[in-house]
Amino acid sequence: YLAENRGRLQFVLGFEDRGARLGLQVTGPDGRRYEETGTQTFTIEVADAPPGTWQYTVTPLEVPYRNFPFTLTIGESR
């Protein structure tokens, strides 16, 4: 994800509480990492995110069935 300005940045991993456990790792352009795991929708928020390219990885730690659905939404504000 390319953040064009410094400001608040949110990564929201959305999924239903159906026995899954997913992990989200976000790495900023400065190399700083943010990690979270959960059994339902959760958010990683970076209050003063630097501009640049952000990378993210979603990891299925436990899923109740193949092709378990999830969404990843990214939002920023200045």
PDB file of N, CA and C in Angstrom:
ATOM      1  N   TYR A   1       0.841  -1.152   0.000  1.00  0.00           N
ATOM      2  CA  TYR A   1       0.000   0.000   0.000  1.00  0.00           C
ATOM      3  C   TYR A   1       0.898   1.230   0.000  1.00  0.00           C
ATOM      4  N   LEU A   2       0.607   2.205  -0.843  1.00  0.00           N
ATOM      5  CA  LEU A   2       1.389   3.429  -0.923  1.00  0.00           C
ATOM      6  C   LEU A   2       0.677   4.543  -0.161  1.00  0.00           C
ATOM      7  N   ALA A   3       1.234   4.927   0.972  1.00  0.00           N
ATOM      8  CA  ALA A   3       0.714   6.059   1.740  1.00  0.00           C
ATOM      9  C   ALA A   3       1.427   7.311   1.236  1.00  0.00           C
ATOM     10  N   GLU A   4       0.684   8.260   0.749  1.00  0.00           N
ATOM     11  CA  GLU A   4       1.295   9.434   0.146  1.00  0.00           C
ATOM     12  C   GLU A   4       1.634  10.529   1.148  1.00  0.00           C
ATOM     13  N   ASN A   5       1.003  10.508   2.324  1.00  0.00           N
ATOM     14  CA  ASN A   5       1.241  11.541   3.334  1.00  0.00           C
ATOM     15  C   ASN A   5       1.433  10.911   4.704  1.00  0.00           C
ATOM     16  N   ARG A   6       2.060  11.651   5.606  1.00  0.00           N
ATOM     17  CA  ARG A   6       2.175  11.216   6.994  1.00  0.00           C
ATOM     18  C   ARG A   6       0.818  11.395   7.659  1.00  0.00           C
ATOM     19  N   GLY A   7       0.437  10.434   8.484  1.00  0.00           N
ATOM     20  CA  GLY A   7      -0.840  10.532   9.192  1.00  0.00           C
ATOM     21  C   GLY A   7      -1.276   9.182   9.725  1.00  0.00           C
ATOM     22  N   ARG A   8      -2.519   9.136  10.172  1.00  0.00           N
ATOM     23  CA  ARG A   8      -3.055   7.906  10.736  1.00  0.00           C
ATOM     24  C   ARG A   8      -3.341   6.894   9.627  1.00  0.00           C
ATOM     25  N   LEU A   9      -2.946   5.655   9.875  1.00  0.00           N
ATOM     26  CA  LEU A   9      -3.131   4.574   8.906  1.00  0.00           C
ATOM     27  C   LEU A   9      -3.730   3.382   9.640  1.00  0.00           C
ATOM     28  N   GLN A  10      -4.779   2.794   9.061  1.00  0.00           N
ATOM     29  CA  GLN A  10      -5.437   1.631   9.667  1.00  0.00           C
ATOM     30  C   GLN A  10      -5.487   0.480   8.669  1.00  0.00           C
ATOM     31  N   PHE A  11      -5.176  -0.708   9.187  1.00  0.00           N
ATOM     32  CA  PHE A  11      -5.321  -1.953   8.436  1.00  0.00           C
ATOM     33  C   PHE A  11      -6.361  -2.773   9.187  1.00  0.00           C
ATOM     34  N   VAL A  12      -7.497  -3.058   8.551  1.00  0.00           N
ATOM     35  CA  VAL A  12      -8.575  -3.795   9.200  1.00  0.00           C
ATOM     36  C   VAL A  12      -8.715  -5.156   8.518  1.00  0.00           C
ATOM     37  N   LEU A  13      -8.483  -6.219   9.278  1.00  0.00           N
ATOM     38  CA  LEU A  13      -8.652  -7.578   8.776  1.00  0.00           C
ATOM     39  C   LEU A  13     -10.023  -8.050   9.227  1.00  0.00           C
ATOM     40  N   GLY A  14     -10.929  -8.206   8.284  1.00  0.00           N
ATOM     41  CA  GLY A  14     -12.310  -8.541   8.603  1.00  0.00           C
ATOM     42  C   GLY A  14     -12.640  -9.990   8.312  1.00  0.00           C
ATOM     43  N   PHE A  15     -13.193 -10.667   9.318  1.00  0.00           N
ATOM     44  CA  PHE A  15     -13.668 -12.040   9.135  1.00  0.00           C
ATOM     45  C   PHE A  15     -14.571 -12.413  10.297  1.00  0.00           C
ATOM     46  N   GLU A  16     -15.440 -13.384  10.068  1.00  0.00           N
ATOM     47  CA  GLU A  16     -16.399 -13.807  11.084  1.00  0.00           C
ATOM     48  C   GLU A  16     -15.772 -14.743  12.105  1.00  0.00           C
ATOM     49  N   ASP A  17     -16.339 -14.733  13.292  1.00  0.00           N
ATOM     50  CA  ASP A  17     -15.908 -15.597  14.389  1.00  0.00           C
ATOM     51  C   ASP A  17     -16.503 -16.988  14.167  1.00  0.00           C
ATOM     52  N   ARG A  18     -15.802 -17.805  13.365  1.00  0.00           N
ATOM     53  CA  ARG A  18     -16.277 -19.151  13.030  1.00  0.00           C
ATOM     54  C   ARG A  18     -15.208 -20.214  13.264  1.00  0.00           C
ATOM     55  N   GLY A  19     -14.331 -19.942  14.226  1.00  0.00           N
ATOM     56  CA  GLY A  19     -13.311 -20.931  14.558  1.00  0.00           C
ATOM     57  C   GLY A  19     -11.979 -20.708  13.875  1.00  0.00           C
ATOM     58  N   ALA A  20     -11.830 -19.598  13.179  1.00  0.00           N
ATOM     59  CA  ALA A  20     -10.562 -19.299  12.517  1.00  0.00           C
ATOM     60  C   ALA A  20      -9.685 -18.440  13.426  1.00  0.00           C
ATOM     61  N   ARG A  21      -8.402 -18.483  13.166  1.00  0.00           N
ATOM     62  CA  ARG A  21      -7.452 -17.585  13.813  1.00  0.00           C
ATOM     63  C   ARG A  21      -6.499 -17.122  12.713  1.00  0.00           C
ATOM     64  N   LEU A  22      -6.512 -15.813  12.453  1.00  0.00           N
ATOM     65  CA  LEU A  22      -5.685 -15.246  11.397  1.00  0.00           C
ATOM     66  C   LEU A  22      -4.682 -14.267  11.986  1.00  0.00           C
ATOM     67  N   GLY A  23      -3.563 -14.129  11.307  1.00  0.00           N
ATOM     68  CA  GLY A  23      -2.540 -13.182  11.715  1.00  0.00           C
ATOM     69  C   GLY A  23      -2.344 -12.135  10.637  1.00  0.00           C
ATOM     70  N   LEU A  24      -2.000 -10.925  11.067  1.00  0.00           N
ATOM     71  CA  LEU A  24      -1.700  -9.840  10.136  1.00  0.00           C
ATOM     72  C   LEU A  24      -0.385  -9.210  10.550  1.00  0.00           C
ATOM     73  N   GLN A  25       0.521  -9.106   9.603  1.00  0.00           N
ATOM     74  CA  GLN A  25       1.796  -8.435   9.837  1.00  0.00           C
ATOM     75  C   GLN A  25       1.892  -7.281   8.848  1.00  0.00           C
ATOM     76  N   VAL A  26       2.200  -6.093   9.363  1.00  0.00           N
ATOM     77  CA  VAL A  26       2.325  -4.888   8.553  1.00  0.00           C
ATOM     78  C   VAL A  26       3.729  -4.335   8.764  1.00  0.00           C
ATOM     79  N   THR A  27       4.403  -3.996   7.666  1.00  0.00           N
ATOM     80  CA  THR A  27       5.749  -3.436   7.744  1.00  0.00           C
ATOM     81  C   THR A  27       5.763  -2.085   7.049  1.00  0.00           C
ATOM     82  N   GLY A  28       6.225  -1.073   7.782  1.00  0.00           N
ATOM     83  CA  GLY A  28       6.281   0.278   7.246  1.00  0.00           C
ATOM     84  C   GLY A  28       7.503   0.507   6.377  1.00  0.00           C
ATOM     85  N   PRO A  29       7.530   1.640   5.687  1.00  0.00           N
ATOM     86  CA  PRO A  29       8.676   1.954   4.828  1.00  0.00           C
ATOM     87  C   PRO A  29       9.970   2.147   5.611  1.00  0.00           C
ATOM     88  N   ASP A  30       9.855   2.382   6.911  1.00  0.00           N
ATOM     89  CA  ASP A  30      11.027   2.531   7.779  1.00  0.00           C
ATOM     90  C   ASP A  30      11.479   1.201   8.376  1.00  0.00           C
ATOM     91  N   GLY A  31      10.797   0.090   8.013  1.00  0.00           N
ATOM     92  CA  GLY A  31      11.154  -1.238   8.499  1.00  0.00           C
ATOM     93  C   GLY A  31      10.472  -1.638   9.796  1.00  0.00           C
ATOM     94  N   ARG A  32       9.730  -0.730  10.403  1.00  0.00           N
ATOM     95  CA  ARG A  32       9.042  -1.051  11.654  1.00  0.00           C
ATOM     96  C   ARG A  32       7.875  -2.007  11.376  1.00  0.00           C
ATOM     97  N   ARG A  33       7.738  -3.017  12.262  1.00  0.00           N
ATOM     98  CA  ARG A  33       6.699  -4.043  12.082  1.00  0.00           C
ATOM     99  C   ARG A  33       5.618  -3.926  13.147  1.00  0.00           C
ATOM    100  N   TYR A  34       4.413  -4.244  12.719  1.00  0.00           N
ATOM    101  CA  TYR A  34       3.248  -4.284  13.597  1.00  0.00           C
ATOM    102  C   TYR A  34       2.585  -5.631  13.350  1.00  0.00           C
ATOM    103  N   GLU A  35       2.254  -6.356  14.425  1.00  0.00           N
ATOM    104  CA  GLU A  35       1.658  -7.685  14.271  1.00  0.00           C
ATOM    105  C   GLU A  35       0.476  -7.845  15.202  1.00  0.00           C
ATOM    106  N   GLU A  36      -0.506  -8.603  14.744  1.00  0.00           N
ATOM    107  CA  GLU A  36      -1.692  -8.896  15.554  1.00  0.00           C
ATOM    108  C   GLU A  36      -2.252 -10.227  15.066  1.00  0.00           C
ATOM    109  N   THR A  37      -2.867 -10.969  15.972  1.00  0.00           N
ATOM    110  CA  THR A  37      -3.621 -12.172  15.609  1.00  0.00           C
ATOM    111  C   THR A  37      -4.980 -12.067  16.266  1.00  0.00           C
ATOM    112  N   GLY A  38      -5.969 -12.747  15.684  1.00  0.00           N
ATOM    113  CA  GLY A  38      -7.295 -12.701  16.271  1.00  0.00           C
ATOM    114  C   GLY A  38      -8.207 -13.789  15.742  1.00  0.00           C
ATOM    115  N   THR A  39      -9.351 -13.917  16.394  1.00  0.00           N
ATOM    116  CA  THR A  39     -10.358 -14.916  16.016  1.00  0.00           C
ATOM    117  C   THR A  39     -11.584 -14.263  15.388  1.00  0.00           C
ATOM    118  N   GLN A  40     -11.528 -12.955  15.214  1.00  0.00           N
ATOM    119  CA  GLN A  40     -12.557 -12.202  14.504  1.00  0.00           C
ATOM    120  C   GLN A  40     -11.950 -10.867  14.086  1.00  0.00           C
ATOM    121  N   THR A  41     -12.715 -10.032  13.422  1.00  0.00           N
ATOM    122  CA  THR A  41     -12.217  -8.768  12.880  1.00  0.00           C
ATOM    123  C   THR A  41     -11.386  -7.978  13.890  1.00  0.00           C
ATOM    124  N   PHE A  42     -10.222  -7.482  13.431  1.00  0.00           N
ATOM    125  CA  PHE A  42      -9.384  -6.630  14.277  1.00  0.00           C
ATOM    126  C   PHE A  42      -8.671  -5.587  13.418  1.00  0.00           C
ATOM    127  N   THR A  43      -8.110  -4.577  14.093  1.00  0.00           N
ATOM    128  CA  THR A  43      -7.479  -3.439  13.427  1.00  0.00           C
ATOM    129  C   THR A  43      -6.067  -3.223  13.952  1.00  0.00           C
ATOM    130  N   ILE A  44      -5.145  -2.950  13.043  1.00  0.00           N
ATOM    131  CA  ILE A  44      -3.833  -2.437  13.407  1.00  0.00           C
ATOM    132  C   ILE A  44      -3.841  -0.969  13.006  1.00  0.00           C
ATOM    133  N   GLU A  45      -3.630  -0.097  13.976  1.00  0.00           N
ATOM    134  CA  GLU A  45      -3.617   1.335  13.708  1.00  0.00           C
ATOM    135  C   GLU A  45      -2.233   1.909  13.999  1.00  0.00           C
ATOM    136  N   VAL A  46      -1.748   2.711  13.066  1.00  0.00           N
ATOM    137  CA  VAL A  46      -0.476   3.404  13.226  1.00  0.00           C
ATOM    138  C   VAL A  46      -0.825   4.893  13.264  1.00  0.00           C
ATOM    139  N   ALA A  47      -0.636   5.514  14.421  1.00  0.00           N
ATOM    140  CA  ALA A  47      -1.098   6.889  14.634  1.00  0.00           C
ATOM    141  C   ALA A  47      -0.346   7.911  13.783  1.00  0.00           C
ATOM    142  N   ASP A  48       0.945   7.778  13.636  1.00  0.00           N
ATOM    143  CA  ASP A  48       1.747   8.755  12.901  1.00  0.00           C
ATOM    144  C   ASP A  48       2.575   8.020  11.851  1.00  0.00           C
ATOM    145  N   ALA A  49       1.882   7.418  10.896  1.00  0.00           N
ATOM    146  CA  ALA A  49       2.530   6.576   9.888  1.00  0.00           C
ATOM    147  C   ALA A  49       3.312   7.420   8.889  1.00  0.00           C
ATOM    148  N   PRO A  50       4.568   7.050   8.609  1.00  0.00           N
ATOM    149  CA  PRO A  50       5.332   7.777   7.605  1.00  0.00           C
ATOM    150  C   PRO A  50       4.839   7.456   6.198  1.00  0.00           C
ATOM    151  N   PRO A  51       5.018   8.384   5.277  1.00  0.00           N
ATOM    152  CA  PRO A  51       4.645   8.098   3.890  1.00  0.00           C
ATOM    153  C   PRO A  51       5.597   7.070   3.279  1.00  0.00           C
ATOM    154  N   GLY A  52       5.105   6.401   2.260  1.00  0.00           N
ATOM    155  CA  GLY A  52       5.930   5.414   1.559  1.00  0.00           C
ATOM    156  C   GLY A  52       5.165   4.123   1.353  1.00  0.00           C
ATOM    157  N   THR A  53       5.880   3.099   0.942  1.00  0.00           N
ATOM    158  CA  THR A  53       5.273   1.803   0.638  1.00  0.00           C
ATOM    159  C   THR A  53       5.185   0.944   1.895  1.00  0.00           C
ATOM    160  N   TRP A  54       3.970   0.512   2.197  1.00  0.00           N
ATOM    161  CA  TRP A  54       3.695  -0.384   3.323  1.00  0.00           C
ATOM    162  C   TRP A  54       3.416  -1.764   2.761  1.00  0.00           C
ATOM    163  N   GLN A  55       3.924  -2.789   3.443  1.00  0.00           N
ATOM    164  CA  GLN A  55       3.676  -4.167   3.027  1.00  0.00           C
ATOM    165  C   GLN A  55       2.877  -4.878   4.109  1.00  0.00           C
ATOM    166  N   TYR A  56       2.033  -5.807   3.709  1.00  0.00           N
ATOM    167  CA  TYR A  56       1.240  -6.560   4.674  1.00  0.00           C
ATOM    168  C   TYR A  56       1.159  -8.012   4.247  1.00  0.00           C
ATOM    169  N   THR A  57       1.017  -8.883   5.253  1.00  0.00           N
ATOM    170  CA  THR A  57       0.874 -10.316   5.026  1.00  0.00           C
ATOM    171  C   THR A  57      -0.218 -10.842   5.944  1.00  0.00           C
ATOM    172  N   VAL A  58      -1.166 -11.563   5.374  1.00  0.00           N
ATOM    173  CA  VAL A  58      -2.208 -12.242   6.146  1.00  0.00           C
ATOM    174  C   VAL A  58      -1.826 -13.712   6.215  1.00  0.00           C
ATOM    175  N   THR A  59      -1.818 -14.264   7.430  1.00  0.00           N
ATOM    176  CA  THR A  59      -1.439 -15.659   7.627  1.00  0.00           C
ATOM    177  C   THR A  59      -2.595 -16.429   8.265  1.00  0.00           C
ATOM    178  N   PRO A  60      -3.056 -17.508   7.620  1.00  0.00           N
ATOM    179  CA  PRO A  60      -4.092 -18.350   8.232  1.00  0.00           C
ATOM    180  C   PRO A  60      -3.458 -19.293   9.253  1.00  0.00           C
ATOM    181  N   LEU A  61      -3.657 -19.029  10.521  1.00  0.00           N
ATOM    182  CA  LEU A  61      -3.090 -19.870  11.575  1.00  0.00           C
ATOM    183  C   LEU A  61      -3.982 -21.075  11.852  1.00  0.00           C
ATOM    184  N   GLU A  62      -5.287 -20.871  11.816  1.00  0.00           N
ATOM    185  CA  GLU A  62      -6.288 -21.947  11.918  1.00  0.00           C
ATOM    186  C   GLU A  62      -7.497 -21.504  11.100  1.00  0.00           C
ATOM    187  N   VAL A  63      -8.009 -22.392  10.269  1.00  0.00           N
ATOM    188  CA  VAL A  63      -9.230 -22.090   9.514  1.00  0.00           C
ATOM    189  C   VAL A  63     -10.163 -23.294   9.567  1.00  0.00           C
ATOM    190  N   PRO A  64     -11.473 -23.043   9.635  1.00  0.00           N
ATOM    191  CA  PRO A  64     -12.420 -24.149   9.753  1.00  0.00           C
ATOM    192  C   PRO A  64     -12.657 -24.895   8.435  1.00  0.00           C
ATOM    193  N   TYR A  65     -12.306 -24.270   7.300  1.00  0.00           N
ATOM    194  CA  TYR A  65     -12.473 -24.917   5.996  1.00  0.00           C
ATOM    195  C   TYR A  65     -11.620 -24.173   4.960  1.00  0.00           C
ATOM    196  N   ARG A  66     -11.401 -24.831   3.833  1.00  0.00           N
ATOM    197  CA  ARG A  66     -10.610 -24.241   2.743  1.00  0.00           C
ATOM    198  C   ARG A  66     -11.279 -22.978   2.231  1.00  0.00           C
ATOM    199  N   ASN A  67     -10.465 -22.061   1.739  1.00  0.00           N
ATOM    200  CA  ASN A  67     -10.951 -20.802   1.162  1.00  0.00           C
ATOM    201  C   ASN A  67     -11.789 -19.986   2.141  1.00  0.00           C
ATOM    202  N   PHE A  68     -11.395 -20.009   3.415  1.00  0.00           N
ATOM    203  CA  PHE A  68     -12.090 -19.219   4.432  1.00  0.00           C
ATOM    204  C   PHE A  68     -12.017 -17.743   4.033  1.00  0.00           C
ATOM    205  N   PRO A  69     -13.164 -17.046   3.960  1.00  0.00           N
ATOM    206  CA  PRO A  69     -13.172 -15.671   3.458  1.00  0.00           C
ATOM    207  C   PRO A  69     -12.737 -14.638   4.498  1.00  0.00           C
ATOM    208  N   PHE A  70     -12.053 -13.624   4.013  1.00  0.00           N
ATOM    209  CA  PHE A  70     -11.682 -12.477   4.836  1.00  0.00           C
ATOM    210  C   PHE A  70     -11.556 -11.265   3.917  1.00  0.00           C
ATOM    211  N   THR A  71     -11.558 -10.093   4.503  1.00  0.00           N
ATOM    212  CA  THR A  71     -11.309  -8.867   3.751  1.00  0.00           C
ATOM    213  C   THR A  71     -10.192  -8.098   4.453  1.00  0.00           C
ATOM    214  N   LEU A  72      -9.455  -7.332   3.685  1.00  0.00           N
ATOM    215  CA  LEU A  72      -8.461  -6.428   4.248  1.00  0.00           C
ATOM    216  C   LEU A  72      -8.781  -5.044   3.717  1.00  0.00           C
ATOM    217  N   THR A  73      -9.035  -4.122   4.621  1.00  0.00           N
ATOM    218  CA  THR A  73      -9.346  -2.745   4.264  1.00  0.00           C
ATOM    219  C   THR A  73      -8.273  -1.831   4.838  1.00  0.00           C
ATOM    220  N   ILE A  74      -7.785  -0.915   4.027  1.00  0.00           N
ATOM    221  CA  ILE A  74      -6.758   0.021   4.464  1.00  0.00           C
ATOM    222  C   ILE A  74      -7.297   1.430   4.315  1.00  0.00           C
ATOM    223  N   GLY A  75      -7.136   2.223   5.372  1.00  0.00           N
ATOM    224  CA  GLY A  75      -7.598   3.605   5.316  1.00  0.00           C
ATOM    225  C   GLY A  75      -6.580   4.530   5.938  1.00  0.00           C
ATOM    226  N   GLU A  76      -6.536   5.757   5.434  1.00  0.00           N
ATOM    227  CA  GLU A  76      -5.617   6.735   6.000  1.00  0.00           C
ATOM    228  C   GLU A  76      -6.307   8.079   6.144  1.00  0.00           C
ATOM    229  N   SER A  77      -5.838   8.849   7.111  1.00  0.00           N
ATOM    230  CA  SER A  77      -6.307  10.215   7.293  1.00  0.00           C
ATOM    231  C   SER A  77      -5.125  11.073   7.709  1.00  0.00           C
ATOM    232  N   ARG A  78      -5.205  12.332   7.386  1.00  0.00           N
ATOM    233  CA  ARG A  78      -4.105  13.250   7.698  1.00  0.00           C
ATOM    234  C   ARG A  78      -4.387  14.023   8.935  1.00  0.00           C
TER     235      ARG A  78
END
